[in-house]
All heavy atoms as atom14 arrays in JSON, in Angstrom:
{
  "sequence": "HLRVHILPFPWINECRVQELLQEGLTRSQGAPPATRGDKKCVVPAGP",
  "atom14_mask": [
    [1, 1, 1, 1, 1, 1, 1, 1, 1, 1, 0, 0, 0, 0],
    [1, 1, 1, 1, 1, 1, 1, 1, 0, 0, 0, 0, 0, 0],
    [1, 1, 1, 1, 1, 1, 1, 1, 1, 1, 1, 0, 0, 0],
    [1, 1, 1, 1, 1, 1, 1, 0, 0, 0, 0, 0, 0, 0],
    [1, 1, 1, 1, 1, 1, 1, 1, 1, 1, 0, 0, 0, 0],
    [1, 1, 1, 1, 1, 1, 1, 1, 0, 0, 0, 0, 0, 0],
    [1, 1, 1, 1, 1, 1, 1, 1, 0, 0, 0, 0, 0, 0],
    [1, 1, 1, 1, 1, 1, 1, 0, 0, 0, 0, 0, 0, 0],
    [1, 1, 1, 1, 1, 1, 1, 1, 1, 1, 1, 0, 0, 0],
    [1, 1, 1, 1, 1, 1, 1, 0, 0, 0, 0, 0, 0, 0],
    [1, 1, 1, 1, 1, 1, 1, 1, 1, 1, 1, 1, 1, 1],
    [1, 1, 1, 1, 1, 1, 1, 1, 0, 0, 0, 0, 0, 0],
    [1, 1, 1, 1, 1, 1, 1, 1, 0, 0, 0, 0, 0, 0],
    [1, 1, 1, 1, 1, 1, 1, 1, 1, 0, 0, 0, 0, 0],
    [1, 1, 1, 1, 1, 1, 0, 0, 0, 0, 0, 0, 0, 0],
    [1, 1, 1, 1, 1, 1, 1, 1, 1, 1, 1, 0, 0, 0],
    [1, 1, 1, 1, 1, 1, 1, 0, 0, 0, 0, 0, 0, 0],
    [1, 1, 1, 1, 1, 1, 1, 1, 1, 0, 0, 0, 0, 0],
    [1, 1, 1, 1, 1, 1, 1, 1, 1, 0, 0, 0, 0, 0],
    [1, 1, 1, 1, 1, 1, 1, 1, 0, 0, 0, 0, 0, 0],
    [1, 1, 1, 1, 1, 1, 1, 1, 0, 0, 0, 0, 0, 0],
    [1, 1, 1, 1, 1, 1, 1, 1, 1, 0, 0, 0, 0, 0],
    [1, 1, 1, 1, 1, 1, 1, 1, 1, 0, 0, 0, 0, 0],
    [1, 1, 1, 1, 0, 0, 0, 0, 0, 0, 0, 0, 0, 0],
    [1, 1, 1, 1, 1, 1, 1, 1, 0, 0, 0, 0, 0, 0],
    [1, 1, 1, 1, 1, 1, 1, 0, 0, 0, 0, 0, 0, 0],
    [1, 1, 1, 1, 1, 1, 1, 1, 1, 1, 1, 0, 0, 0],
    [1, 1, 1, 1, 1, 1, 0, 0, 0, 0, 0, 0, 0, 0],
    [1, 1, 1, 1, 1, 1, 1, 1, 1, 0, 0, 0, 0, 0],
    [1, 1, 1, 1, 0, 0, 0, 0, 0, 0, 0, 0, 0, 0],
    [1, 1, 1, 1, 1, 0, 0, 0, 0, 0, 0, 0, 0, 0],
    [1, 1, 1, 1, 1, 1, 1, 0, 0, 0, 0, 0, 0, 0],
    [1, 1, 1, 1, 1, 1, 1, 0, 0, 0, 0, 0, 0, 0],
    [1, 1, 1, 1, 1, 0, 0, 0, 0, 0, 0, 0, 0, 0],
    [1, 1, 1, 1, 1, 1, 1, 0, 0, 0, 0, 0, 0, 0],
    [1, 1, 1, 1, 1, 1, 1, 1, 1, 1, 1, 0, 0, 0],
    [1, 1, 1, 1, 0, 0, 0, 0, 0, 0, 0, 0, 0, 0],
    [1, 1, 1, 1, 1, 1, 1, 1, 0, 0, 0, 0, 0, 0],
    [1, 1, 1, 1, 1, 1, 1, 1, 1, 0, 0, 0, 0, 0],
    [1, 1, 1, 1, 1, 1, 1, 1, 1, 0, 0, 0, 0, 0],
    [1, 1, 1, 1, 1, 1, 0, 0, 0, 0, 0, 0, 0, 0],
    [1, 1, 1, 1, 1, 1, 1, 0, 0, 0, 0, 0, 0, 0],
    [1, 1, 1, 1, 1, 1, 1, 0, 0, 0, 0, 0, 0, 0],
    [1, 1, 1, 1, 1, 1, 1, 0, 0, 0, 0, 0, 0, 0],
    [1, 1, 1, 1, 1, 0, 0, 0, 0, 0, 0, 0, 0, 0],
    [1, 1, 1, 1, 0, 0, 0, 0, 0, 0, 0, 0, 0, 0],
    [1, 1, 1, 1, 1, 1, 1, 0, 0, 0, 0, 0, 0, 0]
  ],
  "atom14_positions": [
    [[-10.67, -44.64, 5.12], [-10.89, -43.96, 6.4], [-10.94, -44.94, 7.57], [-10.87, -44.54, 8.72], [-12.19, -43.15, 6.33], [-13.42, -43.98, 6.13], [-13.74, -44.51, 4.89], [-14.36, -44.4, 6.98], [-14.85, -45.21, 5.0], [-15.26, -45.16, 6.26], [0.0, 0.0, 0.0], [0.0, 0.0, 0.0], [0.0, 0.0, 0.0], [0.0, 0.0, 0.0]],
    [[-11.06, -46.22, 7.28], [-11.12, -47.23, 8.33], [-9.74, -47.71, 8.75], [-9.61, -48.44, 9.73], [-11.96, -48.43, 7.87], [-13.41, -48.09, 7.52], [-14.1, -49.32, 6.94], [-14.16, -47.6, 8.75], [0.0, 0.0, 0.0], [0.0, 0.0, 0.0], [0.0, 0.0, 0.0], [0.0, 0.0, 0.0], [0.0, 0.0, 0.0], [0.0, 0.0, 0.0]],
    [[-8.72, -47.34, 8.02], [-7.36, -47.8, 8.33], [-6.87, -47.19, 9.64], [-7.08, -46.01, 9.91], [-6.41, -47.46, 7.19], [-6.77, -48.2, 5.92], [-5.67, -48.07, 4.92], [-6.13, -48.65, 3.67], [-6.06, -48.08, 2.5], [-5.5, -46.91, 2.39], [-6.49, -48.68, 1.42], [0.0, 0.0, 0.0], [0.0, 0.0, 0.0], [0.0, 0.0, 0.0]],
    [[-6.16, -47.96, 10.41], [-5.71, -47.54, 11.73], [-4.46, -46.67, 11.64], [-4.29, -45.74, 12.44], [-5.42, -48.79, 12.62], [-4.97, -48.38, 14.0], [-6.64, -49.67, 12.68], [0.0, 0.0, 0.0], [0.0, 0.0, 0.0], [0.0, 0.0, 0.0], [0.0, 0.0, 0.0], [0.0, 0.0, 0.0], [0.0, 0.0, 0.0], [0.0, 0.0, 0.0]],
    [[-3.58, -46.9, 10.68], [-2.31, -46.21, 10.62], [-2.43, -44.74, 10.17], [-1.47, -44.0, 10.23], [-1.33, -46.95, 9.7], [-1.74, -46.93, 8.26], [-2.66, -47.82, 7.75], [-1.37, -46.13, 7.25], [-2.83, -47.56, 6.47], [-2.06, -46.55, 6.14], [0.0, 0.0, 0.0], [0.0, 0.0, 0.0], [0.0, 0.0, 0.0], [0.0, 0.0, 0.0]],
    [[-3.59, -44.31, 9.72], [-3.77, -42.91, 9.32], [-4.22, -42.11, 10.54], [-5.24, -42.41, 11.16], [-4.8, -42.78, 8.18], [-4.3, -43.53, 6.95], [-5.05, -41.31, 7.86], [-5.29, -43.52, 5.8], [0.0, 0.0, 0.0], [0.0, 0.0, 0.0], [0.0, 0.0, 0.0], [0.0, 0.0, 0.0], [0.0, 0.0, 0.0], [0.0, 0.0, 0.0]],
    [[-3.44, -41.11, 10.86], [-3.74, -40.28, 12.02], [-4.86, -39.3, 11.68], [-4.92, -38.78, 10.56], [-2.5, -39.51, 12.46], [-1.31, -40.37, 12.89], [-0.1, -39.48, 13.14], [-1.66, -41.15, 14.13], [0.0, 0.0, 0.0], [0.0, 0.0, 0.0], [0.0, 0.0, 0.0], [0.0, 0.0, 0.0], [0.0, 0.0, 0.0], [0.0, 0.0, 0.0]],
    [[-5.72, -39.0, 12.61], [-6.78, -38.02, 12.35], [-6.18, -36.62, 12.21], [-5.09, -36.33, 12.72], [-7.68, -38.12, 13.59], [-6.81, -38.68, 14.65], [-5.79, -39.55, 13.96], [0.0, 0.0, 0.0], [0.0, 0.0, 0.0], [0.0, 0.0, 0.0], [0.0, 0.0, 0.0], [0.0, 0.0, 0.0], [0.0, 0.0, 0.0], [0.0, 0.0, 0.0]],
    [[-6.9, -35.76, 11.51], [-6.44, -34.39, 11.32], [-6.4, -33.68, 12.67], [-7.35, -33.75, 13.45], [-7.39, -33.67, 10.37], [-6.84, -32.39, 9.83], [-5.91, -32.4, 8.8], [-7.24, -31.16, 10.34], [-5.39, -31.23, 8.3], [-6.71, -29.98, 9.86], [-5.79, -30.02, 8.82], [0.0, 0.0, 0.0], [0.0, 0.0, 0.0], [0.0, 0.0, 0.0]],
    [[-5.3, -33.0, 12.98], [-5.18, -32.37, 14.31], [-6.12, -31.17, 14.44], [-6.49, -30.53, 13.47], [-3.72, -31.93, 14.35], [-3.33, -31.78, 12.93], [-4.12, -32.78, 12.16], [0.0, 0.0, 0.0], [0.0, 0.0, 0.0], [0.0, 0.0, 0.0], [0.0, 0.0, 0.0], [0.0, 0.0, 0.0], [0.0, 0.0, 0.0], [0.0, 0.0, 0.0]],
    [[-6.46, -30.86, 15.68], [-7.3, -29.7, 15.96], [-6.5, -28.42, 15.69], [-5.3, -28.37, 15.91], [-7.76, -29.72, 17.42], [-8.76, -30.81, 17.67], [-8.52, -32.03, 18.18], [-10.14, -30.75, 17.37], [-9.67, -32.78, 18.24], [-10.7, -32.0, 17.73], [-10.99, -29.8, 16.83], [-12.04, -32.3, 17.57], [-12.32, -30.1, 16.67], [-12.84, -31.33, 17.05]],
    [[-7.19, -27.42, 15.25], [-6.55, -26.14, 14.93], [-6.59, -25.25, 16.16], [-7.64, -25.08, 16.79], [-7.25, -25.46, 13.75], [-7.11, -26.35, 12.51], [-6.68, -24.08, 13.48], [-7.85, -25.83, 11.31], [0.0, 0.0, 0.0], [0.0, 0.0, 0.0], [0.0, 0.0, 0.0], [0.0, 0.0, 0.0], [0.0, 0.0, 0.0], [0.0, 0.0, 0.0]],
    [[-5.45, -24.66, 16.49], [-5.34, -23.76, 17.62], [-5.83, -22.38, 17.17], [-5.18, -21.68, 16.4], [-3.88, -23.7, 18.07], [-3.7, -22.85, 19.31], [-4.58, -22.08, 19.69], [-2.54, -23.0, 19.93], [0.0, 0.0, 0.0], [0.0, 0.0, 0.0], [0.0, 0.0, 0.0], [0.0, 0.0, 0.0], [0.0, 0.0, 0.0], [0.0, 0.0, 0.0]],
    [[-7.01, -21.97, 17.65], [-7.62, -20.71, 17.22], [-6.76, -19.5, 17.57], [-6.68, -18.55, 16.81], [-9.01, -20.57, 17.85], [-10.01, -21.54, 17.29], [-11.38, -21.36, 17.9], [-11.8, -20.2, 18.12], [-12.03, -22.38, 18.17], [0.0, 0.0, 0.0], [0.0, 0.0, 0.0], [0.0, 0.0, 0.0], [0.0, 0.0, 0.0], [0.0, 0.0, 0.0]],
    [[-6.13, -19.52, 18.71], [-5.28, -18.4, 19.12], [-4.11, -18.23, 18.15], [-3.78, -17.11, 17.75], [-4.76, -18.61, 20.54], [-6.06, -18.59, 21.79], [0.0, 0.0, 0.0], [0.0, 0.0, 0.0], [0.0, 0.0, 0.0], [0.0, 0.0, 0.0], [0.0, 0.0, 0.0], [0.0, 0.0, 0.0], [0.0, 0.0, 0.0], [0.0, 0.0, 0.0]],
    [[-3.49, -19.35, 17.77], [-2.35, -19.29, 16.85], [-2.8, -18.79, 15.46], [-2.08, -18.02, 14.83], [-1.7, -20.68, 16.74], [-0.5, -20.73, 15.83], [0.65, -19.9, 16.38], [1.76, -19.94, 15.45], [2.53, -18.91, 15.15], [2.34, -17.75, 15.75], [3.5, -19.02, 14.29], [0.0, 0.0, 0.0], [0.0, 0.0, 0.0], [0.0, 0.0, 0.0]],
    [[-3.98, -19.2, 15.03], [-4.51, -18.74, 13.74], [-4.71, -17.23, 13.78], [-4.34, -16.51, 12.85], [-5.83, -19.46, 13.39], [-6.51, -18.83, 12.19], [-5.58, -20.94, 13.12], [0.0, 0.0, 0.0], [0.0, 0.0, 0.0], [0.0, 0.0, 0.0], [0.0, 0.0, 0.0], [0.0, 0.0, 0.0], [0.0, 0.0, 0.0], [0.0, 0.0, 0.0]],
    [[-5.28, -16.71, 14.87], [-5.49, -15.27, 15.0], [-4.16, -14.52, 15.01], [-4.04, -13.45, 14.42], [-6.29, -14.96, 16.27], [-7.76, -15.33, 16.18], [-8.45, -14.6, 15.03], [-8.18, -13.44, 14.72], [-9.35, -15.31, 14.37], [0.0, 0.0, 0.0], [0.0, 0.0, 0.0], [0.0, 0.0, 0.0], [0.0, 0.0, 0.0], [0.0, 0.0, 0.0]],
    [[-3.17, -15.09, 15.7], [-1.84, -14.46, 15.72], [-1.26, -14.38, 14.32], [-0.71, -13.35, 13.92], [-0.89, -15.26, 16.62], [-1.16, -15.15, 18.09], [-0.29, -16.1, 18.91], [0.67, -16.68, 18.33], [-0.56, -16.26, 20.1], [0.0, 0.0, 0.0], [0.0, 0.0, 0.0], [0.0, 0.0, 0.0], [0.0, 0.0, 0.0], [0.0, 0.0, 0.0]],
    [[-1.36, -15.45, 13.56], [-0.82, -15.48, 12.19], [-1.56, -14.49, 11.29], [-0.94, -13.8, 10.46], [-0.9, -16.89, 11.61], [0.05, -17.92, 12.22], [-0.28, -19.31, 11.7], [1.49, -17.56, 11.91], [0.0, 0.0, 0.0], [0.0, 0.0, 0.0], [0.0, 0.0, 0.0], [0.0, 0.0, 0.0], [0.0, 0.0, 0.0], [0.0, 0.0, 0.0]],
    [[-2.87, -14.41, 11.44], [-3.65, -13.46, 10.65], [-3.24, -12.02, 10.97], [-3.05, -11.19, 10.07], [-5.15, -13.64, 10.89], [-5.79, -14.86, 10.26], [-7.24, -15.01, 10.72], [-5.74, -14.76, 8.75], [0.0, 0.0, 0.0], [0.0, 0.0, 0.0], [0.0, 0.0, 0.0], [0.0, 0.0, 0.0], [0.0, 0.0, 0.0], [0.0, 0.0, 0.0]],
    [[-3.12, -11.72, 12.24], [-2.73, -10.37, 12.66], [-1.34, -10.03, 12.16], [-1.08, -8.92, 11.69], [-2.81, -10.25, 14.2], [-2.71, -8.84, 14.7], [-3.84, -7.97, 14.15], [-4.98, -8.4, 14.03], [-3.51, -6.74, 13.81], [0.0, 0.0, 0.0], [0.0, 0.0, 0.0], [0.0, 0.0, 0.0], [0.0, 0.0, 0.0], [0.0, 0.0, 0.0]],
    [[-0.44, -10.99, 12.24], [0.93, -10.79, 11.78], [0.94, -10.5, 10.27], [1.64, -9.6, 9.8], [1.73, -12.06, 12.08], [3.21, -11.96, 11.86], [3.88, -13.28, 12.25], [3.74, -13.7, 13.42], [4.53, -13.86, 11.37], [0.0, 0.0, 0.0], [0.0, 0.0, 0.0], [0.0, 0.0, 0.0], [0.0, 0.0, 0.0], [0.0, 0.0, 0.0]],
    [[0.16, -11.23, 9.52], [0.08, -11.01, 8.08], [-0.53, -9.67, 7.74], [-0.1, -8.99, 6.81], [0.0, 0.0, 0.0], [0.0, 0.0, 0.0], [0.0, 0.0, 0.0], [0.0, 0.0, 0.0], [0.0, 0.0, 0.0], [0.0, 0.0, 0.0], [0.0, 0.0, 0.0], [0.0, 0.0, 0.0], [0.0, 0.0, 0.0], [0.0, 0.0, 0.0]],
    [[-1.55, -9.26, 8.49], [-2.17, -7.95, 8.25], [-1.21, -6.81, 8.52], [-1.16, -5.84, 7.76], [-3.42, -7.8, 9.13], [-4.66, -8.55, 8.67], [-5.77, -8.45, 9.72], [-5.15, -7.99, 7.35], [0.0, 0.0, 0.0], [0.0, 0.0, 0.0], [0.0, 0.0, 0.0], [0.0, 0.0, 0.0], [0.0, 0.0, 0.0], [0.0, 0.0, 0.0]],
    [[-0.45, -6.88, 9.58], [0.5, -5.81, 9.89], [1.6, -5.73, 8.83], [2.03, -4.65, 8.46], [1.14, -6.0, 11.28], [1.71, -7.29, 11.36], [0.11, -5.82, 12.38], [0.0, 0.0, 0.0], [0.0, 0.0, 0.0], [0.0, 0.0, 0.0], [0.0, 0.0, 0.0], [0.0, 0.0, 0.0], [0.0, 0.0, 0.0], [0.0, 0.0, 0.0]],
    [[2.01, -6.88, 8.31], [3.02, -6.88, 7.24], [2.47, -6.3, 5.95], [3.15, -5.56, 5.25], [3.51, -8.3, 6.98], [4.86, -8.57, 7.63], [5.44, -9.86, 7.15], [4.91, -10.94, 7.99], [4.64, -12.16, 7.61], [4.84, -12.52, 6.38], [4.16, -13.04, 8.44], [0.0, 0.0, 0.0], [0.0, 0.0, 0.0], [0.0, 0.0, 0.0]],
    [[1.22, -6.63, 5.63], [0.65, -6.18, 4.36], [0.25, -4.71, 4.36], [0.14, -4.09, 3.31], [-0.55, -7.05, 3.98], [-1.61, -6.83, 4.88], [0.0, 0.0, 0.0], [0.0, 0.0, 0.0], [0.0, 0.0, 0.0], [0.0, 0.0, 0.0], [0.0, 0.0, 0.0], [0.0, 0.0, 0.0], [0.0, 0.0, 0.0], [0.0, 0.0, 0.0]],
    [[0.02, -4.12, 5.54], [-0.38, -2.72, 5.6], [0.75, -1.79, 5.17], [0.52, -0.76, 4.58], [-0.85, -2.36, 7.0], [-2.22, -2.93, 7.32], [-2.62, -2.68, 8.76], [-1.82, -2.26, 9.58], [-3.88, -2.96, 9.06], [0.0, 0.0, 0.0], [0.0, 0.0, 0.0], [0.0, 0.0, 0.0], [0.0, 0.0, 0.0], [0.0, 0.0, 0.0]],
    [[1.97, -2.17, 5.43], [3.11, -1.34, 5.07], [3.56, -1.54, 3.63], [4.22, -0.69, 3.04], [0.0, 0.0, 0.0], [0.0, 0.0, 0.0], [0.0, 0.0, 0.0], [0.0, 0.0, 0.0], [0.0, 0.0, 0.0], [0.0, 0.0, 0.0], [0.0, 0.0, 0.0], [0.0, 0.0, 0.0], [0.0, 0.0, 0.0], [0.0, 0.0, 0.0]],
    [[3.17, -2.65, 3.03], [3.61, -2.97, 1.66], [2.69, -2.31, 0.64], [1.5, -2.13, 0.89], [3.61, -4.48, 1.46], [0.0, 0.0, 0.0], [0.0, 0.0, 0.0], [0.0, 0.0, 0.0], [0.0, 0.0, 0.0], [0.0, 0.0, 0.0], [0.0, 0.0, 0.0], [0.0, 0.0, 0.0], [0.0, 0.0, 0.0], [0.0, 0.0, 0.0]],
    [[3.24, -1.94, -0.52], [2.38, -1.37, -1.57], [1.45, -2.46, -2.11], [1.79, -3.64, -2.08], [3.38, -0.92, -2.64], [4.6, -1.73, -2.39], [4.63, -2.02, -0.93], [0.0, 0.0, 0.0], [0.0, 0.0, 0.0], [0.0, 0.0, 0.0], [0.0, 0.0, 0.0], [0.0, 0.0, 0.0], [0.0, 0.0, 0.0], [0.0, 0.0, 0.0]],
    [[0.26, -2.07, -2.6], [-0.68, -3.07, -3.09], [-0.12, -3.78, -4.32], [0.5, -3.17, -5.19], [-1.93, -2.26, -3.45], [-1.44, -0.86, -3.61], [-0.24, -0.71, -2.74], [0.0, 0.0, 0.0], [0.0, 0.0, 0.0], [0.0, 0.0, 0.0], [0.0, 0.0, 0.0], [0.0, 0.0, 0.0], [0.0, 0.0, 0.0], [0.0, 0.0, 0.0]],
    [[-0.33, -5.07, -4.35], [0.15, -5.88, -5.48], [-0.82, -5.71, -6.65], [-2.01, -5.94, -6.51], [0.23, -7.34, -5.07], [0.0, 0.0, 0.0], [0.0, 0.0, 0.0], [0.0, 0.0, 0.0], [0.0, 0.0, 0.0], [0.0, 0.0, 0.0], [0.0, 0.0, 0.0], [0.0, 0.0, 0.0], [0.0, 0.0, 0.0], [0.0, 0.0, 0.0]],
    [[-0.31, -5.27, -7.77], [-1.14, -5.11, -8.96], [-0.52, -5.88, -10.1], [0.69, -5.99, -10.2], [-1.27, -3.63, -9.37], [0.04, -3.11, -9.6], [-1.97, -2.82, -8.3], [0.0, 0.0, 0.0], [0.0, 0.0, 0.0], [0.0, 0.0, 0.0], [0.0, 0.0, 0.0], [0.0, 0.0, 0.0], [0.0, 0.0, 0.0], [0.0, 0.0, 0.0]],
    [[-1.38, -6.37, -10.94], [-0.92, -7.1, -12.11], [-0.59, -6.09, -13.19], [-1.35, -5.19, -13.47], [-2.02, -8.05, -12.59], [-1.56, -8.96, -13.66], [-2.63, -9.97, -13.97], [-2.19, -10.76, -15.1], [-2.98, -11.46, -15.85], [-4.25, -11.49, -15.58], [-2.51, -12.14, -16.86], [0.0, 0.0, 0.0], [0.0, 0.0, 0.0], [0.0, 0.0, 0.0]],
    [[0.53, -6.24, -13.81], [1.0, -5.28, -14.8], [0.44, -5.54, -16.18], [1.17, -5.97, -17.06], [0.0, 0.0, 0.0], [0.0, 0.0, 0.0], [0.0, 0.0, 0.0], [0.0, 0.0, 0.0], [0.0, 0.0, 0.0], [0.0, 0.0, 0.0], [0.0, 0.0, 0.0], [0.0, 0.0, 0.0], [0.0, 0.0, 0.0], [0.0, 0.0, 0.0]],
    [[-0.87, -5.3, -16.38], [-1.44, -5.43, -17.72], [-0.94, -4.28, -18.58], [-1.0, -3.11, -18.18], [-2.96, -5.4, -17.67], [-3.55, -6.67, -17.09], [-2.84, -7.7, -17.15], [-4.68, -6.63, -16.6], [0.0, 0.0, 0.0], [0.0, 0.0, 0.0], [0.0, 0.0, 0.0], [0.0, 0.0, 0.0], [0.0, 0.0, 0.0], [0.0, 0.0, 0.0]],
    [[-0.48, -4.61, -19.74], [0.04, -3.59, -20.65], [-1.12, -3.02, -21.45], [-1.74, -3.73, -22.23], [1.08, -4.19, -21.58], [2.31, -4.67, -20.86], [3.29, -5.27, -21.82], [4.49, -5.83, -21.08], [5.41, -6.53, -21.95], [0.0, 0.0, 0.0], [0.0, 0.0, 0.0], [0.0, 0.0, 0.0], [0.0, 0.0, 0.0], [0.0, 0.0, 0.0]],
    [[-1.39, -1.74, -21.25], [-2.45, -1.1, -21.99], [-1.87, -0.52, -23.26], [-0.72, -0.1, -23.31], [-3.12, -0.01, -21.16], [-3.86, -0.59, -19.98], [-4.68, 0.44, -19.29], [-5.43, -0.22, -18.16], [-6.46, 0.6, -17.61], [0.0, 0.0, 0.0], [0.0, 0.0, 0.0], [0.0, 0.0, 0.0], [0.0, 0.0, 0.0], [0.0, 0.0, 0.0]],
    [[-2.68, -0.51, -24.3], [-2.23, 0.02, -25.58], [-3.44, 0.59, -26.32], [-4.57, 0.41, -25.9], [-1.57, -1.08, -26.41], [-2.68, -2.42, -26.85], [0.0, 0.0, 0.0], [0.0, 0.0, 0.0], [0.0, 0.0, 0.0], [0.0, 0.0, 0.0], [0.0, 0.0, 0.0], [0.0, 0.0, 0.0], [0.0, 0.0, 0.0], [0.0, 0.0, 0.0]],
    [[-3.17, 1.26, -27.41], [-4.23, 1.78, -28.25], [-4.79, 0.59, -29.02], [-4.07, -0.14, -29.7], [-3.72, 2.87, -29.21], [-4.81, 3.31, -30.16], [-3.19, 4.05, -28.42], [0.0, 0.0, 0.0], [0.0, 0.0, 0.0], [0.0, 0.0, 0.0], [0.0, 0.0, 0.0], [0.0, 0.0, 0.0], [0.0, 0.0, 0.0], [0.0, 0.0, 0.0]],
    [[-6.09, 0.39, -28.91], [-6.74, -0.75, -29.56], [-6.75, -0.52, -31.06], [-7.18, 0.54, -31.53], [-8.17, -0.94, -29.03], [-8.85, -2.1, -29.71], [-8.16, -1.13, -27.54], [0.0, 0.0, 0.0], [0.0, 0.0, 0.0], [0.0, 0.0, 0.0], [0.0, 0.0, 0.0], [0.0, 0.0, 0.0], [0.0, 0.0, 0.0], [0.0, 0.0, 0.0]],
    [[-6.27, -1.5, -31.85], [-6.28, -1.31, -33.3], [-7.7, -1.26, -33.83], [-8.54, -2.06, -33.44], [-5.52, -2.53, -33.82], [-5.62, -3.54, -32.75], [-5.74, -2.79, -31.46], [0.0, 0.0, 0.0], [0.0, 0.0, 0.0], [0.0, 0.0, 0.0], [0.0, 0.0, 0.0], [0.0, 0.0, 0.0], [0.0, 0.0, 0.0], [0.0, 0.0, 0.0]],
    [[-7.98, -0.3, -34.69], [-9.33, -0.12, -35.21], [-9.69, -1.18, -36.23], [-10.84, -1.58, -36.35], [-9.46, 1.26, -35.83], [0.0, 0.0, 0.0], [0.0, 0.0, 0.0], [0.0, 0.0, 0.0], [0.0, 0.0, 0.0], [0.0, 0.0, 0.0], [0.0, 0.0, 0.0], [0.0, 0.0, 0.0], [0.0, 0.0, 0.0], [0.0, 0.0, 0.0]],
    [[-8.73, -1.65, -36.98], [-9.03, -2.63, -38.02], [-9.64, -1.95, -39.23], [-9.8, -0.72, -39.27], [0.0, 0.0, 0.0], [0.0, 0.0, 0.0], [0.0, 0.0, 0.0], [0.0, 0.0, 0.0], [0.0, 0.0, 0.0], [0.0, 0.0, 0.0], [0.0, 0.0, 0.0], [0.0, 0.0, 0.0], [0.0, 0.0, 0.0], [0.0, 0.0, 0.0]],
    [[-10.01, -2.73, -40.23], [-10.58, -2.14, -41.44], [-11.97, -1.6, -41.18], [-12.67, -2.07, -40.28], [-10.61, -3.31, -42.43], [-10.53, -4.52, -41.59], [-9.85, -4.16, -40.32], [0.0, 0.0, 0.0], [0.0, 0.0, 0.0], [0.0, 0.0, 0.0], [0.0, 0.0, 0.0], [0.0, 0.0, 0.0], [0.0, 0.0, 0.0], [0.0, 0.0, 0.0]]
  ]
}
């Protein structure tokens, strides 16, 4: 962390973050919910 050639982490633009979040929300509202396709079956009773 004392090295000079490493640039500090840039500040985050809060307005841009909000825009990206809003954009993602509007895209996800129209899409069907993502579900994992677990295959259900009749559980074997065994002996």
